[in-house]
Amino acid sequence: MPGVVVPVAMAARLLPLLPLLLRWARPVQGTAPPGGGWLAGSVPEEERCTVERVDASLTYSLFLQRFAFSRPVILGGVTDNSAFRALCTREKLLAAFGPLPVRLSTANTYSYRKVDVPFQEYVERLLQPQDPARLGSDTLYFFGDNNFTEWGPLFQHYVPPPFRIPGTSPAYSFGIAGSGSGVPFHWHGPGFSEVIFGRKRWFLYPPDKTPHFHPNETTLAWLQHTYPTLPPAQRPLECTLRPGEVLYFPDRWWHATLNLDTSVFISTFLG
């Protein structure tokens, strides 16, 4: 079969376009933007993670014996939520839930104020990096208060951690929050938290060690102003969760969260 002859002059004009032509020809079906299309942040991670990490070899009996009633732990490889993650990109969530209302809470210890806005308005207008000068009581945060009639089909794709506390039942809380946002110290019953996109830094104290904080101060402000003054012995357990990692926190443990990037996350509360 005779070959195609391209004149030298034409080849010279096409050469600079070759990378663009190859990129256009590359299959794109099934691909997703890095980080799910959510913005990366610049808030720093901790110098050293002080929460124990374990892998999928942890048995249920060892979980009950070592962690369930005594201390937090980060579980790696215990779930595969790649299918759920594919549905949680910015593009997919806006397409599925854009016009539907979501209920926002203030990002302070006692979240009394609630505001309902369309999901698209929250993502495109309110989902911004945290202003360090803004109080938690003036910062709106999407976490929990999910309408399970509307969000239930999404949650059906989530694979929860395999461990349970006897006598409890699970309840999901799904959230999306901007870089630098978070919830200051508070406590409640036990549960798990998994990061789907982004990174989330956790700070934890046992029930008998009440942290020093102001309930209307954001976690970012606490990190900048109070954390550096703490002697090493008074610092919390801390670690940064990445996609696919699950944190377990026991009953009544104090904890605060800080989203280092725009983060998508889901918690399984054991009530």
Protein backbone atom coordinates (compact mmCIF):
# COMPACT_ATOMS: atom_id res chain seq x y z
CA MET A 1 0.00 0.00 0.00
CA PRO A 2 1.49 3.32 -0.98
CA GLY A 3 2.31 5.67 1.89
CA VAL A 4 0.97 9.18 2.37
CA VAL A 5 3.51 11.82 1.44
CA VAL A 6 3.33 15.05 3.47
CA PRO A 7 5.18 18.04 2.01
CA VAL A 8 8.02 19.27 4.19
CA ALA A 9 6.51 22.75 4.53
CA MET A 10 3.17 21.35 5.73
CA ALA A 11 4.88 19.01 8.19
CA ALA A 12 6.76 21.95 9.65
CA ARG A 13 3.48 23.80 10.24
CA LEU A 14 1.81 20.75 11.85
CA LEU A 15 4.69 19.87 14.19
CA PRO A 16 3.93 22.53 16.85
CA LEU A 17 0.31 21.32 16.91
CA LEU A 18 1.22 17.68 17.50
CA PRO A 19 0.86 17.74 21.34
CA LEU A 20 -2.61 19.31 21.05
CA LEU A 21 -3.68 16.77 18.43
CA LEU A 22 -2.47 13.88 20.57
CA ARG A 23 -4.24 15.26 23.65
CA TRP A 24 -7.50 15.67 21.73
CA ALA A 25 -7.23 12.11 20.39
CA ARG A 26 -6.57 10.61 23.84
CA PRO A 27 -9.64 8.80 25.27
CA VAL A 28 -11.24 10.83 28.07
CA GLN A 29 -14.29 8.73 28.88
CA GLY A 30 -14.26 7.65 32.52
CA THR A 31 -11.58 10.11 33.61
CA ALA A 32 -12.06 12.68 36.39
CA PRO A 33 -10.26 15.93 37.16
CA PRO A 34 -7.57 15.77 39.86
CA GLY A 35 -9.12 16.07 43.29
CA GLY A 36 -12.57 15.61 41.81
CA GLY A 37 -12.56 19.17 40.54
CA TRP A 38 -12.43 20.54 44.11
CA LEU A 39 -9.87 23.23 44.94
CA ALA A 40 -6.61 22.34 46.68
CA GLY A 41 -5.62 24.43 49.70
CA SER A 42 -2.46 25.67 51.38
CA VAL A 43 -3.19 25.00 55.06
CA PRO A 44 -0.28 22.95 56.47
CA GLU A 45 -0.35 19.42 57.78
CA GLU A 46 0.99 18.53 61.22
CA GLU A 47 4.72 17.87 61.69
CA ARG A 48 4.04 14.35 62.93
CA CYS A 49 0.90 12.23 63.05
CA THR A 50 0.27 11.06 66.64
CA VAL A 51 -2.80 8.91 65.96
CA GLU A 52 -2.06 5.22 65.49
CA ARG A 53 -2.58 3.86 61.98
CA VAL A 54 -3.55 0.26 61.25
CA ASP A 55 -4.26 -1.65 58.05
CA ALA A 56 -6.94 -4.05 56.90
CA SER A 57 -5.41 -6.90 58.89
CA LEU A 58 -7.06 -5.50 62.05
CA THR A 59 -9.73 -7.94 63.18
CA TYR A 60 -13.05 -6.97 64.73
CA SER A 61 -12.09 -8.53 68.06
CA LEU A 62 -8.83 -6.53 68.15
CA PHE A 63 -10.72 -3.36 67.22
CA LEU A 64 -13.04 -3.88 70.20
CA GLN A 65 -10.16 -4.76 72.50
CA ARG A 66 -7.70 -2.00 71.55
CA PHE A 67 -9.69 0.96 70.25
CA ALA A 68 -13.48 0.86 70.45
CA PHE A 69 -13.76 2.16 74.02
CA SER A 70 -10.36 3.70 74.63
CA ARG A 71 -8.60 5.63 71.83
CA PRO A 72 -8.89 6.84 68.24
CA VAL A 73 -7.33 5.01 65.31
CA ILE A 74 -6.90 5.56 61.57
CA LEU A 75 -7.98 2.59 59.46
CA GLY A 76 -6.40 2.09 56.07
CA GLY A 77 -7.64 -0.24 53.36
CA VAL A 78 -10.77 -1.37 55.21
CA THR A 79 -13.18 -0.04 52.55
CA ASP A 80 -13.17 0.52 48.81
CA ASN A 81 -15.22 3.61 48.00
CA SER A 82 -13.90 4.26 44.51
CA ALA A 83 -17.43 3.99 43.08
CA PHE A 84 -18.79 6.44 45.66
CA ARG A 85 -15.83 8.77 45.05
CA ALA A 86 -16.56 8.81 41.30
CA LEU A 87 -20.05 10.15 42.09
CA CYS A 88 -18.70 12.89 44.39
CA THR A 89 -16.77 14.97 41.87
CA ARG A 90 -17.79 18.61 41.66
CA GLU A 91 -19.30 18.08 38.23
CA LYS A 92 -21.32 14.99 39.21
CA LEU A 93 -22.72 16.46 42.43
CA LEU A 94 -23.71 19.73 40.77
CA ALA A 95 -25.47 17.80 37.99
CA ALA A 96 -27.35 15.61 40.46
CA PHE A 97 -28.15 18.05 43.28
CA GLY A 98 -27.53 21.60 41.94
CA PRO A 99 -31.07 23.02 42.29
CA LEU A 100 -31.95 21.11 45.48
CA PRO A 101 -31.80 22.91 48.83
CA VAL A 102 -29.19 21.99 51.43
CA ARG A 103 -29.18 23.04 55.07
CA LEU A 104 -26.05 24.82 56.28
CA SER A 105 -24.94 25.13 59.91
CA THR A 106 -22.66 27.67 61.52
CA ALA A 107 -19.13 26.32 62.07
CA ASN A 108 -18.98 26.80 65.82
CA THR A 109 -19.19 24.43 68.76
CA TYR A 110 -22.90 25.02 69.28
CA SER A 111 -24.33 25.20 65.74
CA TYR A 112 -27.70 26.79 66.41
CA ARG A 113 -28.22 28.82 63.24
CA LYS A 114 -29.39 26.98 60.12
CA VAL A 115 -29.63 28.39 56.60
CA ASP A 116 -31.19 26.72 53.55
CA VAL A 117 -29.67 27.47 50.11
CA PRO A 118 -29.59 25.67 46.75
CA PHE A 119 -26.65 23.28 46.58
CA GLN A 120 -25.32 25.05 43.47
CA GLU A 121 -25.28 28.39 45.31
CA TYR A 122 -23.36 26.84 48.18
CA VAL A 123 -20.74 25.32 45.86
CA GLU A 124 -20.31 28.30 43.55
CA ARG A 125 -20.68 31.21 45.99
CA LEU A 126 -20.22 30.11 49.61
CA LEU A 127 -17.65 27.31 49.31
CA GLN A 128 -14.62 29.57 49.76
CA PRO A 129 -11.36 29.35 51.75
CA GLN A 130 -11.87 30.32 55.38
CA ASP A 131 -11.32 33.98 56.27
CA PRO A 132 -9.05 33.81 59.38
CA ALA A 133 -10.76 36.88 60.84
CA ARG A 134 -14.29 35.47 60.54
CA LEU A 135 -15.88 33.86 63.60
CA GLY A 136 -17.19 30.32 63.43
CA SER A 137 -20.66 31.67 64.28
CA ASP A 138 -20.52 33.68 61.03
CA THR A 139 -19.20 30.82 58.84
CA LEU A 140 -21.68 28.53 57.07
CA TYR A 141 -20.79 24.88 56.69
CA PHE A 142 -22.46 21.96 54.88
CA PHE A 143 -22.30 18.86 57.05
CA GLY A 144 -25.13 16.63 58.17
CA ASP A 145 -28.76 17.74 58.00
CA ASN A 146 -28.93 15.71 54.78
CA ASN A 147 -32.33 15.12 53.21
CA PHE A 148 -32.22 11.33 52.92
CA THR A 149 -35.03 11.24 50.39
CA GLU A 150 -32.90 13.30 48.01
CA TRP A 151 -29.39 12.16 49.02
CA GLY A 152 -30.28 8.55 49.82
CA PRO A 153 -29.51 7.22 46.30
CA LEU A 154 -25.96 8.61 46.62
CA PHE A 155 -25.45 7.11 50.08
CA GLN A 156 -26.47 3.69 48.77
CA HIS A 157 -23.11 3.60 46.96
CA TYR A 158 -21.11 4.25 50.14
CA VAL A 159 -19.33 1.30 51.74
CA PRO A 160 -19.16 1.96 55.51
CA PRO A 161 -16.36 0.73 57.77
CA PRO A 162 -16.85 -2.93 58.72
CA PHE A 163 -16.72 -2.43 62.49
CA ARG A 164 -19.58 -1.62 64.87
CA ILE A 165 -20.01 -0.94 68.57
CA PRO A 166 -22.44 -3.42 70.15
CA GLY A 167 -25.83 -1.88 70.81
CA THR A 168 -25.45 0.97 68.29
CA SER A 169 -26.82 1.64 64.81
CA PRO A 170 -25.15 3.74 62.08
CA ALA A 171 -26.30 7.09 60.70
CA TYR A 172 -24.55 8.94 57.85
CA SER A 173 -23.62 12.63 57.72
CA PHE A 174 -22.23 13.91 54.41
CA GLY A 175 -20.38 17.20 53.98
CA ILE A 176 -18.37 19.47 51.71
CA ALA A 177 -16.32 22.37 53.06
CA GLY A 178 -13.71 24.87 51.88
CA SER A 179 -10.01 25.03 52.67
CA GLY A 180 -9.34 26.34 56.18
CA SER A 181 -12.86 25.64 57.38
CA GLY A 182 -13.73 23.20 60.11
CA VAL A 183 -15.60 22.72 63.36
CA PRO A 184 -14.02 23.70 66.71
CA PHE A 185 -13.77 21.35 69.66
CA HIS A 186 -16.89 19.42 70.63
CA TRP A 187 -17.80 15.87 71.62
CA HIS A 188 -20.58 13.34 71.06
CA GLY A 189 -20.95 9.59 70.67
CA PRO A 190 -18.54 7.30 68.80
CA GLY A 191 -18.19 7.18 65.04
CA PHE A 192 -16.11 6.98 61.90
CA SER A 193 -15.12 9.71 59.45
CA GLU A 194 -13.84 9.10 55.92
CA VAL A 195 -12.34 11.61 53.50
CA ILE A 196 -13.54 11.21 49.90
CA PHE A 197 -11.68 14.16 48.34
CA GLY A 198 -9.18 16.58 49.86
CA ARG A 199 -7.44 16.36 53.23
CA LYS A 200 -8.85 16.85 56.72
CA ARG A 201 -6.71 17.47 59.80
CA TRP A 202 -8.02 16.21 63.15
CA PHE A 203 -7.22 17.25 66.71
CA LEU A 204 -8.38 14.98 69.56
CA TYR A 205 -8.35 14.99 73.38
CA PRO A 206 -9.63 12.27 75.74
CA PRO A 207 -12.86 12.97 77.67
CA ASP A 208 -11.02 13.90 80.88
CA LYS A 209 -8.80 16.52 79.18
CA THR A 210 -10.93 19.51 78.17
CA PRO A 211 -9.11 21.64 75.57
CA HIS A 212 -8.69 25.38 75.87
CA PHE A 213 -10.75 27.03 73.11
CA HIS A 214 -13.49 29.57 72.45
CA PRO A 215 -16.68 27.99 71.00
CA ASN A 216 -17.06 30.77 68.39
CA GLU A 217 -13.42 30.70 67.29
CA THR A 218 -12.70 28.75 64.13
CA THR A 219 -10.29 25.83 64.19
CA LEU A 220 -8.00 27.79 61.84
CA ALA A 221 -7.82 30.70 64.33
CA TRP A 222 -7.20 28.24 67.19
CA LEU A 223 -4.37 26.64 65.20
CA GLN A 224 -2.78 30.02 64.52
CA HIS A 225 -3.19 31.58 67.98
CA THR A 226 -3.59 28.91 70.69
CA TYR A 227 -1.88 25.81 69.33
CA PRO A 228 1.65 27.38 69.17
CA THR A 229 1.44 28.29 72.88
CA LEU A 230 0.70 24.74 74.05
CA PRO A 231 3.52 22.80 75.72
CA PRO A 232 4.13 19.42 74.06
CA ALA A 233 2.41 17.58 76.92
CA GLN A 234 -0.77 19.63 76.39
CA ARG A 235 -1.03 19.20 72.65
CA PRO A 236 -3.78 17.00 71.23
CA LEU A 237 -3.47 13.81 69.30
CA GLU A 238 -3.49 14.92 65.69
CA CYS A 239 -3.28 13.61 62.17
CA THR A 240 -4.32 14.42 58.61
CA LEU A 241 -6.74 12.11 56.83
CA ARG A 242 -6.39 11.56 53.09
CA PRO A 243 -8.86 10.02 50.63
CA GLY A 244 -9.64 6.43 51.49
CA GLU A 245 -8.58 6.70 55.14
CA VAL A 246 -11.09 6.33 57.97
CA LEU A 247 -10.74 7.79 61.47
CA TYR A 248 -12.51 6.12 64.39
CA PHE A 249 -13.19 8.33 67.43
CA PRO A 250 -14.51 6.82 70.69
CA ASP A 251 -17.43 8.05 72.77
CA ARG A 252 -17.08 11.54 74.31
CA TRP A 253 -13.64 12.27 72.89
CA TRP A 254 -13.11 15.97 72.23
CA HIS A 255 -12.26 16.67 68.60
CA ALA A 256 -11.86 19.57 66.19
CA THR A 257 -11.49 19.40 62.42
CA LEU A 258 -9.69 21.51 59.83
CA ASN A 259 -10.12 21.02 56.08
CA LEU A 260 -6.75 21.58 54.44
CA ASP A 261 -8.28 21.49 50.97
CA THR A 262 -11.83 21.82 49.76
CA SER A 263 -12.91 18.48 51.17
CA VAL A 264 -15.70 15.99 50.60
CA PHE A 265 -16.26 13.70 53.57
CA ILE A 266 -18.76 11.40 55.23
CA SER A 267 -19.15 10.33 58.84
CA THR A 268 -20.85 7.25 60.23
CA PHE A 269 -22.20 8.09 63.69
CA LEU A 270 -22.90 5.16 65.98
CA GLY A 271 -25.97 6.09 68.02
